[in-house]
C-alpha atoms as a PDB file:
ATOM      1  CA  UNK A   1      -0.217   0.218   0.070  1.00  0.00           C
ATOM      2  CA  UNK A   2       1.103   3.674  -0.962  1.00  0.00           C
ATOM      3  CA  UNK A   3       2.287   6.094   1.344  1.00  0.00           C
ATOM      4  CA  UNK A   4      -0.172   9.344   0.449  1.00  0.00           C
ATOM      5  CA  UNK A   5       0.702  13.147   2.165  1.00  0.00           C
ATOM      6  CA  UNK A   6      -2.195  14.190   3.854  1.00  0.00           C
ATOM      7  CA  UNK A   7      -1.264  17.770   3.511  1.00  0.00           C
ATOM      8  CA  UNK A   8      -0.366  17.570  -0.193  1.00  0.00           C
ATOM      9  CA  UNK A   9      -3.858  16.125  -0.856  1.00  0.00           C
ATOM     10  CA  UNK A  10      -5.817  18.241   1.286  1.00  0.00           C
ATOM     11  CA  UNK A  11      -3.881  21.523  -0.388  1.00  0.00           C
ATOM     12  CA  UNK A  12      -4.581  19.899  -4.153  1.00  0.00           C
ATOM     13  CA  UNK A  13      -8.156  19.722  -2.745  1.00  0.00           C
ATOM     14  CA  UNK A  14      -8.736  23.215  -1.636  1.00  0.00           C
ATOM     15  CA  UNK A  15      -7.168  24.486  -4.672  1.00  0.00           C
ATOM     16  CA  UNK A  16      -9.286  22.292  -6.911  1.00  0.00           C
ATOM     17  CA  UNK A  17     -12.025  24.024  -5.282  1.00  0.00           C
ATOM     18  CA  UNK A  18     -11.045  27.075  -5.178  1.00  0.00           C
ATOM     19  CA  UNK A  19     -10.712  27.102  -8.833  1.00  0.00           C
ATOM     20  CA  UNK A  20     -14.295  25.499  -9.238  1.00  0.00           C
ATOM     21  CA  UNK A  21     -15.801  28.171  -7.196  1.00  0.00           C
ATOM     22  CA  UNK A  22     -13.999  30.712  -9.427  1.00  0.00           C
ATOM     23  CA  UNK A  23     -15.202  28.968 -12.991  1.00  0.00           C
ATOM     24  CA  UNK A  24     -18.810  28.555 -12.076  1.00  0.00           C
ATOM     25  CA  UNK A  25     -19.217  32.099 -10.271  1.00  0.00           C
ATOM     26  CA  UNK A  26     -17.501  34.053 -13.840  1.00  0.00           C
ATOM     27  CA  UNK A  27     -20.061  32.181 -15.868  1.00  0.00           C
ATOM     28  CA  UNK A  28     -22.361  33.775 -18.591  1.00  0.00           C
ATOM     29  CA  UNK A  29     -24.858  35.196 -16.029  1.00  0.00           C
ATOM     30  CA  UNK A  30     -21.852  37.389 -15.152  1.00  0.00           C
ATOM     31  CA  UNK A  31     -21.590  38.773 -18.332  1.00  0.00           C
ATOM     32  CA  UNK A  32     -21.754  42.698 -18.996  1.00  0.00           C
ATOM     33  CA  UNK A  33     -24.040  43.099 -22.257  1.00  0.00           C
ATOM     34  CA  UNK A  34     -23.473  46.612 -24.030  1.00  0.00           C
ATOM     35  CA  UNK A  35     -26.682  48.841 -23.016  1.00  0.00           C
ATOM     36  CA  UNK A  36     -27.249  52.352 -25.024  1.00  0.00           C
ATOM     37  CA  UNK A  37     -30.336  54.695 -26.083  1.00  0.00           C
ATOM     38  CA  UNK A  38     -31.972  58.400 -26.395  1.00  0.00           C
ATOM     39  CA  UNK A  39     -34.855  59.219 -23.677  1.00  0.00           C
ATOM     40  CA  UNK A  40     -36.884  61.694 -25.171  1.00  0.00           C
ATOM     41  CA  UNK A  41     -40.328  63.563 -25.548  1.00  0.00           C
ATOM     42  CA  UNK A  42     -43.536  62.571 -27.449  1.00  0.00           C
ATOM     43  CA  UNK A  43     -42.831  65.580 -29.541  1.00  0.00           C
ATOM     44  CA  UNK A  44     -39.492  64.415 -30.704  1.00  0.00           C
ATOM     45  CA  UNK A  45     -36.989  66.520 -28.564  1.00  0.00           C
ATOM     46  CA  UNK A  46     -34.194  64.948 -26.265  1.00  0.00           C
ATOM     47  CA  UNK A  47     -34.116  64.998 -22.549  1.00  0.00           C
ATOM     48  CA  UNK A  48     -31.226  66.756 -21.548  1.00  0.00           C
ATOM     49  CA  UNK A  49     -29.113  65.331 -18.145  1.00  0.00           C
ATOM     50  CA  UNK A  50     -30.310  63.351 -15.932  1.00  0.00           C
ATOM     51  CA  UNK A  51     -30.240  59.602 -15.137  1.00  0.00           C
ATOM     52  CA  UNK A  52     -31.411  56.220 -16.834  1.00  0.00           C
ATOM     53  CA  UNK A  53     -31.541  53.909 -14.155  1.00  0.00           C
ATOM     54  CA  UNK A  54     -32.237  49.623 -14.768  1.00  0.00           C
ATOM     55  CA  UNK A  55     -33.840  47.529 -11.627  1.00  0.00           C
ATOM     56  CA  UNK A  56     -33.617  44.227 -12.738  1.00  0.00           C
ATOM     57  CA  UNK A  57     -37.178  42.562 -11.861  1.00  0.00           C
ATOM     58  CA  UNK A  58     -34.991  39.085 -10.753  1.00  0.00           C
ATOM     59  CA  UNK A  59     -34.375  39.147  -6.915  1.00  0.00           C
ATOM     60  CA  UNK A  60     -30.923  38.247  -7.620  1.00  0.00           C
ATOM     61  CA  UNK A  61     -29.625  40.913 -10.445  1.00  0.00           C
ATOM     62  CA  UNK A  62     -27.683  44.037  -9.779  1.00  0.00           C
ATOM     63  CA  UNK A  63     -28.893  47.555 -11.486  1.00  0.00           C
ATOM     64  CA  UNK A  64     -27.250  49.592 -13.664  1.00  0.00           C
ATOM     65  CA  UNK A  65     -27.289  53.319 -14.641  1.00  0.00           C
ATOM     66  CA  UNK A  66     -26.431  55.422 -16.966  1.00  0.00           C
ATOM     67  CA  UNK A  67     -26.214  59.552 -17.619  1.00  0.00           C
ATOM     68  CA  UNK A  68     -28.231  61.577 -19.700  1.00  0.00           C
ATOM     69  CA  UNK A  69     -26.156  63.852 -22.103  1.00  0.00           C
ATOM     70  CA  UNK A  70     -27.658  66.807 -23.496  1.00  0.00           C
ATOM     71  CA  UNK A  71     -28.663  64.761 -26.503  1.00  0.00           C
ATOM     72  CA  UNK A  72     -31.165  62.342 -24.415  1.00  0.00           C
ATOM     73  CA  UNK A  73     -28.042  59.873 -25.004  1.00  0.00           C
ATOM     74  CA  UNK A  74     -27.297  57.284 -22.281  1.00  0.00           C
ATOM     75  CA  UNK A  75     -24.540  54.416 -22.043  1.00  0.00           C
ATOM     76  CA  UNK A  76     -25.443  51.776 -18.485  1.00  0.00           C
ATOM     77  CA  UNK A  77     -22.996  50.995 -16.142  1.00  0.00           C
ATOM     78  CA  UNK A  78     -22.642  48.352 -13.596  1.00  0.00           C
ATOM     79  CA  UNK A  79     -20.799  50.162 -10.783  1.00  0.00           C
ATOM     80  CA  UNK A  80     -17.631  51.318 -13.214  1.00  0.00           C
ATOM     81  CA  UNK A  81     -18.337  48.880 -15.532  1.00  0.00           C
ATOM     82  CA  UNK A  82     -19.859  49.066 -18.751  1.00  0.00           C
ATOM     83  CA  UNK A  83     -23.110  47.522 -19.226  1.00  0.00           C
ATOM     84  CA  UNK A  84     -25.678  44.980 -17.438  1.00  0.00           C
ATOM     85  CA  UNK A  85     -26.291  41.623 -17.279  1.00  0.00           C
ATOM     86  CA  UNK A  86     -28.887  39.882 -19.131  1.00  0.00           C
ATOM     87  CA  UNK A  87     -32.073  39.728 -17.792  1.00  0.00           C
ATOM     88  CA  UNK A  88     -35.843  42.239 -17.342  1.00  0.00           C
ATOM     89  CA  UNK A  89     -35.737  45.408 -15.763  1.00  0.00           C
ATOM     90  CA  UNK A  90     -37.667  48.171 -14.591  1.00  0.00           C
ATOM     91  CA  UNK A  91     -36.832  51.176 -16.410  1.00  0.00           C
ATOM     92  CA  UNK A  92     -37.282  54.833 -13.893  1.00  0.00           C
ATOM     93  CA  UNK A  93     -35.997  58.283 -15.187  1.00  0.00           C
ATOM     94  CA  UNK A  94     -34.853  61.124 -13.065  1.00  0.00           C
ATOM     95  CA  UNK A  95     -34.057  64.368 -14.908  1.00  0.00           C
ATOM     96  CA  UNK A  96     -31.759  66.862 -13.707  1.00  0.00           C
ATOM     97  CA  UNK A  97     -32.748  69.769 -12.137  1.00  0.00           C
ATOM     98  CA  UNK A  98     -33.142  72.504 -14.034  1.00  0.00           C
ATOM     99  CA  UNK A  99     -30.646  74.971 -12.902  1.00  0.00           C
ATOM    100  CA  UNK A 100     -27.792  72.341 -13.603  1.00  0.00           C
ATOM    101  CA  UNK A 101     -28.918  71.774 -16.882  1.00  0.00           C
ATOM    102  CA  UNK A 102     -30.300  74.936 -18.271  1.00  0.00           C
ATOM    103  CA  UNK A 103     -29.471  78.853 -18.207  1.00  0.00           C
ATOM    104  CA  UNK A 104     -31.905  80.495 -16.504  1.00  0.00           C
ATOM    105  CA  UNK A 105     -31.896  83.824 -19.003  1.00  0.00           C
ATOM    106  CA  UNK A 106     -33.367  81.254 -21.635  1.00  0.00           C
ATOM    107  CA  UNK A 107     -36.719  79.339 -22.019  1.00  0.00           C
ATOM    108  CA  UNK A 108     -37.012  76.778 -19.199  1.00  0.00           C
ATOM    109  CA  UNK A 109     -36.633  72.909 -20.238  1.00  0.00           C
ATOM    110  CA  UNK A 110     -39.688  71.024 -20.418  1.00  0.00           C
ATOM    111  CA  UNK A 111     -40.663  68.607 -17.240  1.00  0.00           C
ATOM    112  CA  UNK A 112     -40.592  64.714 -17.113  1.00  0.00           C
ATOM    113  CA  UNK A 113     -43.955  63.628 -15.613  1.00  0.00           C
ATOM    114  CA  UNK A 114     -42.758  62.735 -12.445  1.00  0.00           C
ATOM    115  CA  UNK A 115     -44.177  59.277 -12.475  1.00  0.00           C
ATOM    116  CA  UNK A 116     -41.495  58.240 -14.511  1.00  0.00           C
ATOM    117  CA  UNK A 117     -38.727  58.837 -11.300  1.00  0.00           C
ATOM    118  CA  UNK A 118     -39.744  56.102  -9.733  1.00  0.00           C
ATOM    119  CA  UNK A 119     -39.456  51.908 -10.913  1.00  0.00           C
ATOM    120  CA  UNK A 120     -42.964  51.898  -9.500  1.00  0.00           C
ATOM    121  CA  UNK A 121     -44.879  54.149 -11.692  1.00  0.00           C
ATOM    122  CA  UNK A 122     -42.821  54.938 -14.714  1.00  0.00           C
ATOM    123  CA  UNK A 123     -44.077  51.768 -16.622  1.00  0.00           C
ATOM    124  CA  UNK A 124     -41.321  51.392 -18.482  1.00  0.00           C
ATOM    125  CA  UNK A 125     -39.308  48.005 -18.674  1.00  0.00           C
ATOM    126  CA  UNK A 126     -36.451  47.036 -20.908  1.00  0.00           C
ATOM    127  CA  UNK A 127     -34.829  43.118 -21.700  1.00  0.00           C
ATOM    128  CA  UNK A 128     -31.638  42.873 -21.892  1.00  0.00           C
ATOM    129  CA  UNK A 129     -30.621  39.907 -23.860  1.00  0.00           C
ATOM    130  CA  UNK A 130     -27.354  37.698 -23.854  1.00  0.00           C
ATOM    131  CA  UNK A 131     -24.424  38.154 -26.677  1.00  0.00           C
ATOM    132  CA  UNK A 132     -26.024  40.694 -28.574  1.00  0.00           C
ATOM    133  CA  UNK A 133     -26.131  45.019 -27.964  1.00  0.00           C
ATOM    134  CA  UNK A 134     -29.203  46.863 -26.451  1.00  0.00           C
ATOM    135  CA  UNK A 135     -29.876  49.837 -28.053  1.00  0.00           C
ATOM    136  CA  UNK A 136     -32.915  51.445 -25.966  1.00  0.00           C
ATOM    137  CA  UNK A 137     -35.603  54.622 -26.490  1.00  0.00           C
ATOM    138  CA  UNK A 138     -37.579  55.289 -23.531  1.00  0.00           C
ATOM    139  CA  UNK A 139     -40.437  58.303 -24.667  1.00  0.00           C
ATOM    140  CA  UNK A 140     -41.684  60.194 -21.823  1.00  0.00           C
ATOM    141  CA  UNK A 141     -44.507  62.935 -21.083  1.00  0.00           C
ATOM    142  CA  UNK A 142     -44.005  66.253 -20.621  1.00  0.00           C
ATOM    143  CA  UNK A 143     -45.447  68.156 -17.653  1.00  0.00           C
ATOM    144  CA  UNK A 144     -47.490  70.829 -18.807  1.00  0.00           C
ATOM    145  CA  UNK A 145     -47.212  74.460 -17.959  1.00  0.00           C
ATOM    146  CA  UNK A 146     -50.226  75.988 -15.961  1.00  0.00           C
ATOM    147  CA  UNK A 147     -51.012  77.811 -18.660  1.00  0.00           C
ATOM    148  CA  UNK A 148     -51.617  74.840 -21.224  1.00  0.00           C
ATOM    149  CA  UNK A 149     -53.748  73.059 -18.949  1.00  0.00           C
END
């Protein structure tokens, strides 16, 4: 019968377990897919400034967000990494304060309806598919000035 070095066998088992744990944890579900898009009003004007937020419907997912540029365009990031994991998301759009995005000497920026700032009331959803680039278009309602109502 051969002598087995127990400490050597334990080290080999530890290395194998760590390798398998790392490999399983870095599977395709952890991969981030590119997601970009545009937020605009129904009349075609871009929503200038703010944030688009994606909240995964599955409790195991990871949230993603992207800053909205002056042209209404955004690109999502999960933490500091570009993209979002594949899955279905609720979407919220939070518009920047008009004082931070526009010169007060000009006409006021159009405002989006407050319901879009909450996942529960926005009515916006997006599917992010594995292996593809997701392009989103979110059309939001404008809050009308008191004189227009």
